[in-house]
Full PDB file with SEQRES, HELIX, SHEET, SSBOND, CRYST1, ORIGX, SCALE, CONECT and MASTER records, all heavy atoms in Angstrom:
SEQRES   1 A   36  VAL MET MET LEU ASP VAL ASN LEU GLU ARG LEU ARG GLU          
SEQRES   2 A   36  GLY PHE TRP ALA ASN LEU PRO LEU ALA LEU ALA VAL GLY          
SEQRES   3 A   36  GLY VAL MET VAL VAL GLU MET ILE ALA ILE                      
HELIX    1 AA1 LEU A    8  LEU A   11  1                                   4    
HELIX    2 AA2 PHE A   15  ALA A   35  1                                  21    
CRYST1    1.000    1.000    1.000  90.00  90.00  90.00 P 1           1          
ORIGX1      1.000000  0.000000  0.000000        0.00000                         
ORIGX2      0.000000  1.000000  0.000000        0.00000                         
ORIGX3      0.000000  0.000000  1.000000        0.00000                         
SCALE1      1.000000  0.000000  0.000000        0.00000                         
SCALE2      0.000000  1.000000  0.000000        0.00000                         
SCALE3      0.000000  0.000000  1.000000        0.00000                         
ATOM      1  N   VAL A   1      14.394-109.606 -32.143  1.00  0.00           N  
ATOM      2  CA  VAL A   1      14.073-109.691 -30.716  1.00  0.00           C  
ATOM      3  C   VAL A   1      12.999-110.759 -30.488  1.00  0.00           C  
ATOM      4  O   VAL A   1      13.075-111.513 -29.477  1.00  0.00           O  
ATOM      5  CB  VAL A   1      13.557-108.328 -30.217  1.00  0.00           C  
ATOM      6  CG1 VAL A   1      12.868-108.443 -28.857  1.00  0.00           C  
ATOM      7  CG2 VAL A   1      14.755-107.386 -30.073  1.00  0.00           C  
ATOM      8  N   MET A   2      12.006-110.862 -31.380  1.00  0.00           N  
ATOM      9  CA  MET A   2      10.950-111.834 -31.201  1.00  0.00           C  
ATOM     10  C   MET A   2      11.379-113.241 -31.560  1.00  0.00           C  
ATOM     11  O   MET A   2      10.852-114.218 -31.039  1.00  0.00           O  
ATOM     12  CB  MET A   2       9.719-111.411 -31.984  1.00  0.00           C  
ATOM     13  CG  MET A   2       9.097-110.130 -31.478  1.00  0.00           C  
ATOM     14  SD  MET A   2       7.723-109.556 -32.433  1.00  0.00           S  
ATOM     15  CE  MET A   2       6.433-110.578 -31.794  1.00  0.00           C  
ATOM     16  N   MET A   3      12.376-113.393 -32.452  1.00  0.00           N  
ATOM     17  CA  MET A   3      12.829-114.733 -32.829  1.00  0.00           C  
ATOM     18  C   MET A   3      13.846-115.293 -31.803  1.00  0.00           C  
ATOM     19  O   MET A   3      13.910-116.493 -31.599  1.00  0.00           O  
ATOM     20  CB  MET A   3      13.507-114.661 -34.192  1.00  0.00           C  
ATOM     21  CG  MET A   3      12.513-114.442 -35.336  1.00  0.00           C  
ATOM     22  SD  MET A   3      11.379-115.799 -35.538  1.00  0.00           S  
ATOM     23  CE  MET A   3      12.383-117.107 -36.123  1.00  0.00           C  
ATOM     24  N   LEU A   4      14.647-114.432 -31.175  1.00  0.00           N  
ATOM     25  CA  LEU A   4      15.602-114.929 -30.207  1.00  0.00           C  
ATOM     26  C   LEU A   4      14.935-115.159 -28.836  1.00  0.00           C  
ATOM     27  O   LEU A   4      14.029-114.419 -28.433  1.00  0.00           O  
ATOM     28  CB  LEU A   4      16.728-113.921 -30.048  1.00  0.00           C  
ATOM     29  CG  LEU A   4      17.606-113.666 -31.243  1.00  0.00           C  
ATOM     30  CD1 LEU A   4      18.636-112.603 -30.951  1.00  0.00           C  
ATOM     31  CD2 LEU A   4      18.324-114.950 -31.647  1.00  0.00           C  
ATOM     32  N   ASP A   5      15.372-116.123 -28.162  1.00  0.00           N  
ATOM     33  CA  ASP A   5      14.886-116.377 -26.786  1.00  0.00           C  
ATOM     34  C   ASP A   5      15.785-115.640 -25.841  1.00  0.00           C  
ATOM     35  O   ASP A   5      16.813-116.152 -25.377  1.00  0.00           O  
ATOM     36  CB  ASP A   5      14.880-117.875 -26.550  1.00  0.00           C  
ATOM     37  CG  ASP A   5      14.194-118.210 -25.248  1.00  0.00           C  
ATOM     38  OD1 ASP A   5      13.467-117.339 -24.705  1.00  0.00           O  
ATOM     39  OD2 ASP A   5      14.395-119.314 -24.721  1.00  0.00           O  
ATOM     40  N   VAL A   6      15.433-114.390 -25.534  1.00  0.00           N  
ATOM     41  CA  VAL A   6      16.303-113.560 -24.704  1.00  0.00           C  
ATOM     42  C   VAL A   6      16.024-113.871 -23.230  1.00  0.00           C  
ATOM     43  O   VAL A   6      14.897-113.798 -22.794  1.00  0.00           O  
ATOM     44  CB  VAL A   6      16.017-112.039 -25.016  1.00  0.00           C  
ATOM     45  CG1 VAL A   6      16.940-111.168 -24.144  1.00  0.00           C  
ATOM     46  CG2 VAL A   6      16.291-111.778 -26.494  1.00  0.00           C  
ATOM     47  N   ASN A   7      17.116-114.140 -22.499  1.00  0.00           N  
ATOM     48  CA  ASN A   7      16.996-114.378 -21.055  1.00  0.00           C  
ATOM     49  C   ASN A   7      17.090-113.022 -20.360  1.00  0.00           C  
ATOM     50  O   ASN A   7      18.175-112.481 -20.205  1.00  0.00           O  
ATOM     51  CB  ASN A   7      18.093-115.319 -20.588  1.00  0.00           C  
ATOM     52  CG  ASN A   7      17.895-115.721 -19.127  1.00  0.00           C  
ATOM     53  OD1 ASN A   7      16.990-115.290 -18.463  1.00  0.00           O  
ATOM     54  ND2 ASN A   7      18.754-116.604 -18.683  1.00  0.00           N  
ATOM     55  N   LEU A   8      15.950-112.444 -19.940  1.00  0.00           N  
ATOM     56  CA  LEU A   8      15.931-111.122 -19.373  1.00  0.00           C  
ATOM     57  C   LEU A   8      16.614-111.057 -18.008  1.00  0.00           C  
ATOM     58  O   LEU A   8      17.241-110.074 -17.672  1.00  0.00           O  
ATOM     59  CB  LEU A   8      14.480-110.634 -19.280  1.00  0.00           C  
ATOM     60  CG  LEU A   8      13.725-110.508 -20.581  1.00  0.00           C  
ATOM     61  CD1 LEU A   8      12.291-110.096 -20.300  1.00  0.00           C  
ATOM     62  CD2 LEU A   8      14.387-109.505 -21.487  1.00  0.00           C  
ATOM     63  N   GLU A   9      16.485-112.137 -17.224  1.00  0.00           N  
ATOM     64  CA  GLU A   9      17.102-112.123 -15.899  1.00  0.00           C  
ATOM     65  C   GLU A   9      18.635-112.032 -16.029  1.00  0.00           C  
ATOM     66  O   GLU A   9      19.298-111.349 -15.242  1.00  0.00           O  
ATOM     67  CB  GLU A   9      16.679-113.359 -15.132  1.00  0.00           C  
ATOM     68  CG  GLU A   9      15.208-113.429 -14.813  1.00  0.00           C  
ATOM     69  CD  GLU A   9      14.728-112.244 -14.032  1.00  0.00           C  
ATOM     70  OE1 GLU A   9      15.512-111.738 -13.158  1.00  0.00           O  
ATOM     71  OE2 GLU A   9      13.599-111.749 -14.276  1.00  0.00           O  
ATOM     72  N   ARG A  10      19.182-112.726 -16.988  1.00  0.00           N  
ATOM     73  CA  ARG A  10      20.627-112.689 -17.186  1.00  0.00           C  
ATOM     74  C   ARG A  10      21.123-111.316 -17.677  1.00  0.00           C  
ATOM     75  O   ARG A  10      22.213-110.888 -17.347  1.00  0.00           O  
ATOM     76  CB  ARG A  10      21.028-113.748 -18.167  1.00  0.00           C  
ATOM     77  CG  ARG A  10      22.474-114.025 -18.219  1.00  0.00           C  
ATOM     78  CD  ARG A  10      22.813-115.243 -19.055  1.00  0.00           C  
ATOM     79  NE  ARG A  10      24.220-115.392 -19.286  1.00  0.00           N  
ATOM     80  CZ  ARG A  10      24.745-116.154 -20.149  1.00  0.00           C  
ATOM     81  NH1 ARG A  10      23.989-116.955 -20.891  1.00  0.00           N  
ATOM     82  NH2 ARG A  10      26.047-116.228 -20.335  1.00  0.00           N  
ATOM     83  N   LEU A  11      20.293-110.653 -18.461  1.00  0.00           N  
ATOM     84  CA  LEU A  11      20.654-109.322 -18.940  1.00  0.00           C  
ATOM     85  C   LEU A  11      20.653-108.301 -17.820  1.00  0.00           C  
ATOM     86  O   LEU A  11      21.448-107.350 -17.859  1.00  0.00           O  
ATOM     87  CB  LEU A  11      19.658-108.858 -20.039  1.00  0.00           C  
ATOM     88  CG  LEU A  11      19.784-109.532 -21.390  1.00  0.00           C  
ATOM     89  CD1 LEU A  11      18.687-109.050 -22.295  1.00  0.00           C  
ATOM     90  CD2 LEU A  11      21.132-109.266 -21.991  1.00  0.00           C  
ATOM     91  N   ARG A  12      19.806-108.490 -16.826  1.00  0.00           N  
ATOM     92  CA  ARG A  12      19.709-107.524 -15.755  1.00  0.00           C  
ATOM     93  C   ARG A  12      20.723-107.709 -14.623  1.00  0.00           C  
ATOM     94  O   ARG A  12      20.761-106.955 -13.688  1.00  0.00           O  
ATOM     95  CB  ARG A  12      18.284-107.586 -15.126  1.00  0.00           C  
ATOM     96  CG  ARG A  12      17.243-107.108 -16.079  1.00  0.00           C  
ATOM     97  CD  ARG A  12      15.921-106.912 -15.323  1.00  0.00           C  
ATOM     98  NE  ARG A  12      14.797-106.739 -16.321  1.00  0.00           N  
ATOM     99  CZ  ARG A  12      13.851-107.599 -16.453  1.00  0.00           C  
ATOM    100  NH1 ARG A  12      13.763-108.683 -15.709  1.00  0.00           N  
ATOM    101  NH2 ARG A  12      12.927-107.403 -17.372  1.00  0.00           N  
ATOM    102  N   GLU A  13      21.509-108.804 -14.754  1.00  0.00           N  
ATOM    103  CA  GLU A  13      22.409-109.084 -13.637  1.00  0.00           C  
ATOM    104  C   GLU A  13      23.458-107.994 -13.381  1.00  0.00           C  
ATOM    105  O   GLU A  13      23.705-107.621 -12.219  1.00  0.00           O  
ATOM    106  CB  GLU A  13      23.159-110.415 -13.897  1.00  0.00           C  
ATOM    107  CG  GLU A  13      22.322-111.636 -13.664  1.00  0.00           C  
ATOM    108  CD  GLU A  13      23.022-112.908 -14.065  1.00  0.00           C  
ATOM    109  OE1 GLU A  13      24.193-112.804 -14.516  1.00  0.00           O  
ATOM    110  OE2 GLU A  13      22.417-114.001 -13.925  1.00  0.00           O  
ATOM    111  N   GLY A  14      24.028-107.409 -14.408  1.00  0.00           N  
ATOM    112  CA  GLY A  14      25.084-106.395 -14.228  1.00  0.00           C  
ATOM    113  C   GLY A  14      24.537-104.976 -14.226  1.00  0.00           C  
ATOM    114  O   GLY A  14      25.348-104.026 -14.358  1.00  0.00           O  
ATOM    115  N   PHE A  15      23.234-104.762 -14.024  1.00  0.00           N  
ATOM    116  CA  PHE A  15      22.672-103.421 -14.138  1.00  0.00           C  
ATOM    117  C   PHE A  15      23.170-102.543 -13.014  1.00  0.00           C  
ATOM    118  O   PHE A  15      23.676-101.438 -13.242  1.00  0.00           O  
ATOM    119  CB  PHE A  15      21.142-103.526 -14.079  1.00  0.00           C  
ATOM    120  CG  PHE A  15      20.459-102.154 -14.106  1.00  0.00           C  
ATOM    121  CD1 PHE A  15      20.394-101.431 -15.277  1.00  0.00           C  
ATOM    122  CD2 PHE A  15      19.963-101.628 -12.931  1.00  0.00           C  
ATOM    123  CE1 PHE A  15      19.806-100.198 -15.284  1.00  0.00           C  
ATOM    124  CE2 PHE A  15      19.330-100.381 -12.951  1.00  0.00           C  
ATOM    125  CZ  PHE A  15      19.280 -99.678 -14.122  1.00  0.00           C  
ATOM    126  N   TRP A  16      23.098-102.976 -11.771  1.00  0.00           N  
ATOM    127  CA  TRP A  16      23.450-102.095 -10.643  1.00  0.00           C  
ATOM    128  C   TRP A  16      24.964-101.881 -10.594  1.00  0.00           C  
ATOM    129  O   TRP A  16      25.430-100.849 -10.127  1.00  0.00           O  
ATOM    130  CB  TRP A  16      22.949-102.724  -9.327  1.00  0.00           C  
ATOM    131  CG  TRP A  16      21.440-102.735  -9.259  1.00  0.00           C  
ATOM    132  CD1 TRP A  16      20.630-103.826  -9.329  1.00  0.00           C  
ATOM    133  CD2 TRP A  16      20.611-101.572  -9.182  1.00  0.00           C  
ATOM    134  NE1 TRP A  16      19.332-103.441  -9.277  1.00  0.00           N  
ATOM    135  CE2 TRP A  16      19.276-102.078  -9.183  1.00  0.00           C  
ATOM    136  CE3 TRP A  16      20.829-100.215  -9.073  1.00  0.00           C  
ATOM    137  CZ2 TRP A  16      18.194-101.199  -9.081  1.00  0.00           C  
ATOM    138  CZ3 TRP A  16      19.747 -99.371  -9.003  1.00  0.00           C  
ATOM    139  CH2 TRP A  16      18.416 -99.880  -8.995  1.00  0.00           C  
ATOM    140  N   ALA A  17      25.749-102.873 -11.079  1.00  0.00           N  
ATOM    141  CA  ALA A  17      27.197-102.666 -11.038  1.00  0.00           C  
ATOM    142  C   ALA A  17      27.633-101.605 -12.049  1.00  0.00           C  
ATOM    143  O   ALA A  17      28.598-100.874 -11.830  1.00  0.00           O  
ATOM    144  CB  ALA A  17      27.894-103.999 -11.381  1.00  0.00           C  
ATOM    145  N   ASN A  18      26.928-101.516 -13.179  1.00  0.00           N  
ATOM    146  CA  ASN A  18      27.270-100.518 -14.213  1.00  0.00           C  
ATOM    147  C   ASN A  18      26.558 -99.195 -14.076  1.00  0.00           C  
ATOM    148  O   ASN A  18      26.811 -98.265 -14.859  1.00  0.00           O  
ATOM    149  CB  ASN A  18      27.001-101.088 -15.579  1.00  0.00           C  
ATOM    150  CG  ASN A  18      27.858-102.296 -15.900  1.00  0.00           C  
ATOM    151  OD1 ASN A  18      29.032-102.367 -15.487  1.00  0.00           O  
ATOM    152  ND2 ASN A  18      27.310-103.260 -16.572  1.00  0.00           N  
ATOM    153  N   LEU A  19      25.646 -99.084 -13.084  1.00  0.00           N  
ATOM    154  CA  LEU A  19      24.840 -97.857 -12.982  1.00  0.00           C  
ATOM    155  C   LEU A  19      25.660 -96.615 -12.683  1.00  0.00           C  
ATOM    156  O   LEU A  19      25.431 -95.576 -13.313  1.00  0.00           O  
ATOM    157  CB  LEU A  19      23.770 -98.057 -11.919  1.00  0.00           C  
ATOM    158  CG  LEU A  19      22.773 -96.895 -11.780  1.00  0.00           C  
ATOM    159  CD1 LEU A  19      21.987 -96.712 -13.019  1.00  0.00           C  
ATOM    160  CD2 LEU A  19      21.846 -97.132 -10.576  1.00  0.00           C  
ATOM    161  N   PRO A  20      26.661 -96.599 -11.788  1.00  0.00           N  
ATOM    162  CA  PRO A  20      27.413 -95.340 -11.571  1.00  0.00           C  
ATOM    163  C   PRO A  20      28.156 -94.844 -12.817  1.00  0.00           C  
ATOM    164  O   PRO A  20      28.110 -93.654 -13.126  1.00  0.00           O  
ATOM    165  CB  PRO A  20      28.432 -95.758 -10.482  1.00  0.00           C  
ATOM    166  CG  PRO A  20      27.829 -96.932  -9.790  1.00  0.00           C  
ATOM    167  CD  PRO A  20      27.040 -97.651 -10.840  1.00  0.00           C  
ATOM    168  N   LEU A  21      28.782 -95.765 -13.542  1.00  0.00           N  
ATOM    169  CA  LEU A  21      29.453 -95.339 -14.770  1.00  0.00           C  
ATOM    170  C   LEU A  21      28.446 -94.803 -15.809  1.00  0.00           C  
ATOM    171  O   LEU A  21      28.687 -93.785 -16.454  1.00  0.00           O  
ATOM    172  CB  LEU A  21      30.230 -96.529 -15.397  1.00  0.00           C  
ATOM    173  CG  LEU A  21      30.924 -96.236 -16.690  1.00  0.00           C  
ATOM    174  CD1 LEU A  21      32.020 -95.201 -16.521  1.00  0.00           C  
ATOM    175  CD2 LEU A  21      31.548 -97.524 -17.258  1.00  0.00           C  
ATOM    176  N   ALA A  22      27.285 -95.461 -15.933  1.00  0.00           N  
ATOM    177  CA  ALA A  22      26.256 -95.004 -16.877  1.00  0.00           C  
ATOM    178  C   ALA A  22      25.727 -93.628 -16.473  1.00  0.00           C  
ATOM    179  O   ALA A  22      25.532 -92.766 -17.341  1.00  0.00           O  
ATOM    180  CB  ALA A  22      25.139 -96.015 -16.927  1.00  0.00           C  
ATOM    181  N   LEU A  23      25.504 -93.396 -15.164  1.00  0.00           N  
ATOM    182  CA  LEU A  23      25.081 -92.049 -14.746  1.00  0.00           C  
ATOM    183  C   LEU A  23      26.144 -90.989 -14.990  1.00  0.00           C  
ATOM    184  O   LEU A  23      25.767 -89.874 -15.385  1.00  0.00           O  
ATOM    185  CB  LEU A  23      24.702 -92.117 -13.265  1.00  0.00           C  
ATOM    186  CG  LEU A  23      23.413 -92.873 -12.936  1.00  0.00           C  
ATOM    187  CD1 LEU A  23      23.214 -92.924 -11.396  1.00  0.00           C  
ATOM    188  CD2 LEU A  23      22.191 -92.245 -13.574  1.00  0.00           C  
ATOM    189  N   ALA A  24      27.387 -91.327 -14.769  1.00  0.00           N  
ATOM    190  CA  ALA A  24      28.467 -90.348 -15.044  1.00  0.00           C  
ATOM    191  C   ALA A  24      28.537 -89.998 -16.530  1.00  0.00           C  
ATOM    192  O   ALA A  24      28.629 -88.795 -16.875  1.00  0.00           O  
ATOM    193  CB  ALA A  24      29.845 -90.907 -14.563  1.00  0.00           C  
ATOM    194  N   VAL A  25      28.496 -90.995 -17.387  1.00  0.00           N  
ATOM    195  CA  VAL A  25      28.559 -90.729 -18.835  1.00  0.00           C  
ATOM    196  C   VAL A  25      27.284 -89.932 -19.267  1.00  0.00           C  
ATOM    197  O   VAL A  25      27.378 -88.975 -20.071  1.00  0.00           O  
ATOM    198  CB  VAL A  25      28.705 -92.064 -19.608  1.00  0.00           C  
ATOM    199  CG1 VAL A  25      28.521 -91.822 -21.128  1.00  0.00           C  
ATOM    200  CG2 VAL A  25      30.027 -92.675 -19.315  1.00  0.00           C  
ATOM    201  N   GLY A  26      26.142 -90.338 -18.754  1.00  0.00           N  
ATOM    202  CA  GLY A  26      24.898 -89.590 -19.096  1.00  0.00           C  
ATOM    203  C   GLY A  26      24.956 -88.174 -18.603  1.00  0.00           C  
ATOM    204  O   GLY A  26      24.496 -87.255 -19.311  1.00  0.00           O  
ATOM    205  N   GLY A  27      25.502 -87.921 -17.419  1.00  0.00           N  
ATOM    206  CA  GLY A  27      25.645 -86.559 -16.888  1.00  0.00           C  
ATOM    207  C   GLY A  27      26.528 -85.724 -17.785  1.00  0.00           C  
ATOM    208  O   GLY A  27      26.241 -84.534 -18.035  1.00  0.00           O  
ATOM    209  N   VAL A  28      27.665 -86.274 -18.205  1.00  0.00           N  
ATOM    210  CA  VAL A  28      28.605 -85.542 -19.063  1.00  0.00           C  
ATOM    211  C   VAL A  28      27.867 -85.189 -20.406  1.00  0.00           C  
ATOM    212  O   VAL A  28      27.993 -84.061 -20.890  1.00  0.00           O  
ATOM    213  CB  VAL A  28      29.852 -86.371 -19.326  1.00  0.00           C  
ATOM    214  CG1 VAL A  28      30.677 -85.743 -20.434  1.00  0.00           C  
ATOM    215  CG2 VAL A  28      30.681 -86.429 -18.057  1.00  0.00           C  
ATOM    216  N   MET A  29      27.123 -86.141 -20.930  1.00  0.00           N  
ATOM    217  CA  MET A  29      26.414 -85.879 -22.219  1.00  0.00           C  
ATOM    218  C   MET A  29      25.349 -84.752 -22.035  1.00  0.00           C  
ATOM    219  O   MET A  29      25.205 -83.919 -22.902  1.00  0.00           O  
ATOM    220  CB  MET A  29      25.776 -87.167 -22.698  1.00  0.00           C  
ATOM    221  CG  MET A  29      26.746 -88.177 -23.206  1.00  0.00           C  
ATOM    222  SD  MET A  29      26.053 -89.755 -23.691  1.00  0.00           S  
ATOM    223  CE  MET A  29      24.989 -89.271 -25.017  1.00  0.00           C  
ATOM    224  N   VAL A  30      24.645 -84.792 -20.901  1.00  0.00           N  
ATOM    225  CA  VAL A  30      23.602 -83.745 -20.645  1.00  0.00           C  
ATOM    226  C   VAL A  30      24.250 -82.365 -20.530  1.00  0.00           C  
ATOM    227  O   VAL A  30      23.765 -81.384 -21.103  1.00  0.00           O  
ATOM    228  CB  VAL A  30      22.805 -84.142 -19.407  1.00  0.00           C  
ATOM    229  CG1 VAL A  30      21.973 -82.927 -18.940  1.00  0.00           C  
ATOM    230  CG2 VAL A  30      21.912 -85.300 -19.674  1.00  0.00           C  
ATOM    231  N   VAL A  31      25.384 -82.298 -19.818  1.00  0.00           N  
ATOM    232  CA  VAL A  31      26.076 -81.023 -19.650  1.00  0.00           C  
ATOM    233  C   VAL A  31      26.551 -80.490 -21.026  1.00  0.00           C  
ATOM    234  O   VAL A  31      26.433 -79.307 -21.335  1.00  0.00           O  
ATOM    235  CB  VAL A  31      27.265 -81.160 -18.658  1.00  0.00           C  
ATOM    236  CG1 VAL A  31      28.175 -79.975 -18.716  1.00  0.00           C  
ATOM    237  CG2 VAL A  31      26.753 -81.370 -17.250  1.00  0.00           C  
ATOM    238  N   GLU A  32      27.108 -81.383 -21.843  1.00  0.00           N  
ATOM    239  CA  GLU A  32      27.554 -80.963 -23.171  1.00  0.00           C  
ATOM    240  C   GLU A  32      26.404 -80.481 -24.040  1.00  0.00           C  
ATOM    241  O   GLU A  32      26.512 -79.493 -24.724  1.00  0.00           O  
ATOM    242  CB  GLU A  32      28.259 -82.142 -23.869  1.00  0.00           C  
ATOM    243  CG  GLU A  32      29.636 -82.469 -23.307  1.00  0.00           C  
ATOM    244  CD  GLU A  32      30.275 -83.676 -23.962  1.00  0.00           C  
ATOM    245  OE1 GLU A  32      29.552 -84.406 -24.677  1.00  0.00           O  
ATOM    246  OE2 GLU A  32      31.427 -83.917 -23.728  1.00  0.00           O  
ATOM    247  N   MET A  33      25.281 -81.218 -24.001  1.00  0.00           N  
ATOM    248  CA  MET A  33      24.119 -80.785 -24.804  1.00  0.00           C  
ATOM    249  C   MET A  33      23.578 -79.448 -24.351  1.00  0.00           C  
ATOM    250  O   MET A  33      23.223 -78.608 -25.170  1.00  0.00           O  
ATOM    251  CB  MET A  33      23.048 -81.874 -24.746  1.00  0.00           C  
ATOM    252  CG  MET A  33      23.354 -83.055 -25.635  1.00  0.00           C  
ATOM    253  SD  MET A  33      21.954 -84.184 -25.850  1.00  0.00           S  
ATOM    254  CE  MET A  33      21.898 -85.010 -24.293  1.00  0.00           C  
ATOM    255  N   ILE A  34      23.474 -79.234 -22.992  1.00  0.00           N  
ATOM    256  CA  ILE A  34      23.027 -77.946 -22.502  1.00  0.00           C  
ATOM    257  C   ILE A  34      23.952 -76.822 -22.928  1.00  0.00           C  
ATOM    258  O   ILE A  34      23.502 -75.748 -23.274  1.00  0.00           O  
ATOM    259  CB  ILE A  34      22.859 -78.040 -20.963  1.00  0.00           C  
ATOM    260  CG1 ILE A  34      21.677 -78.955 -20.642  1.00  0.00           C  
ATOM    261  CG2 ILE A  34      22.637 -76.661 -20.374  1.00  0.00           C  
ATOM    262  CD1 ILE A  34      21.510 -79.223 -19.150  1.00  0.00           C  
ATOM    263  N   ALA A  35      25.258 -77.097 -22.833  1.00  0.00           N  
ATOM    264  CA  ALA A  35      26.231 -76.021 -23.229  1.00  0.00           C  
ATOM    265  C   ALA A  35      26.112 -75.692 -24.732  1.00  0.00           C  
ATOM    266  O   ALA A  35      26.102 -74.518 -25.085  1.00  0.00           O  
ATOM    267  CB  ALA A  35      27.634 -76.530 -22.944  1.00  0.00           C  
ATOM    268  N   ILE A  36      25.916 -76.721 -25.549  1.00  0.00           N  
ATOM    269  CA  ILE A  36      25.796 -76.427 -26.983  1.00  0.00           C  
ATOM    270  C   ILE A  36      24.474 -75.704 -27.304  1.00  0.00           C  
ATOM    271  O   ILE A  36      24.447 -74.730 -28.089  1.00  0.00           O  
ATOM    272  CB  ILE A  36      25.908 -77.770 -27.762  1.00  0.00           C  
ATOM    273  CG1 ILE A  36      27.323 -78.300 -27.718  1.00  0.00           C  
ATOM    274  CG2 ILE A  36      25.433 -77.586 -29.232  1.00  0.00           C  
ATOM    275  CD1 ILE A  36      27.458 -79.704 -28.278  1.00  0.00           C  
TER     276      ILE A  36                                                      
MASTER        0    0    0    2    0    0    0    6  275    1    0    3          
END                                                                             
């Protein structure tokens, strides 16, 4: 991480577009963990 020159702005570009899918997958994982 410290050797690579990571462009943080470019990494954040698709954050809001992928947020609904990420929340859905995270919600399923939380429900499964609570059930177990």
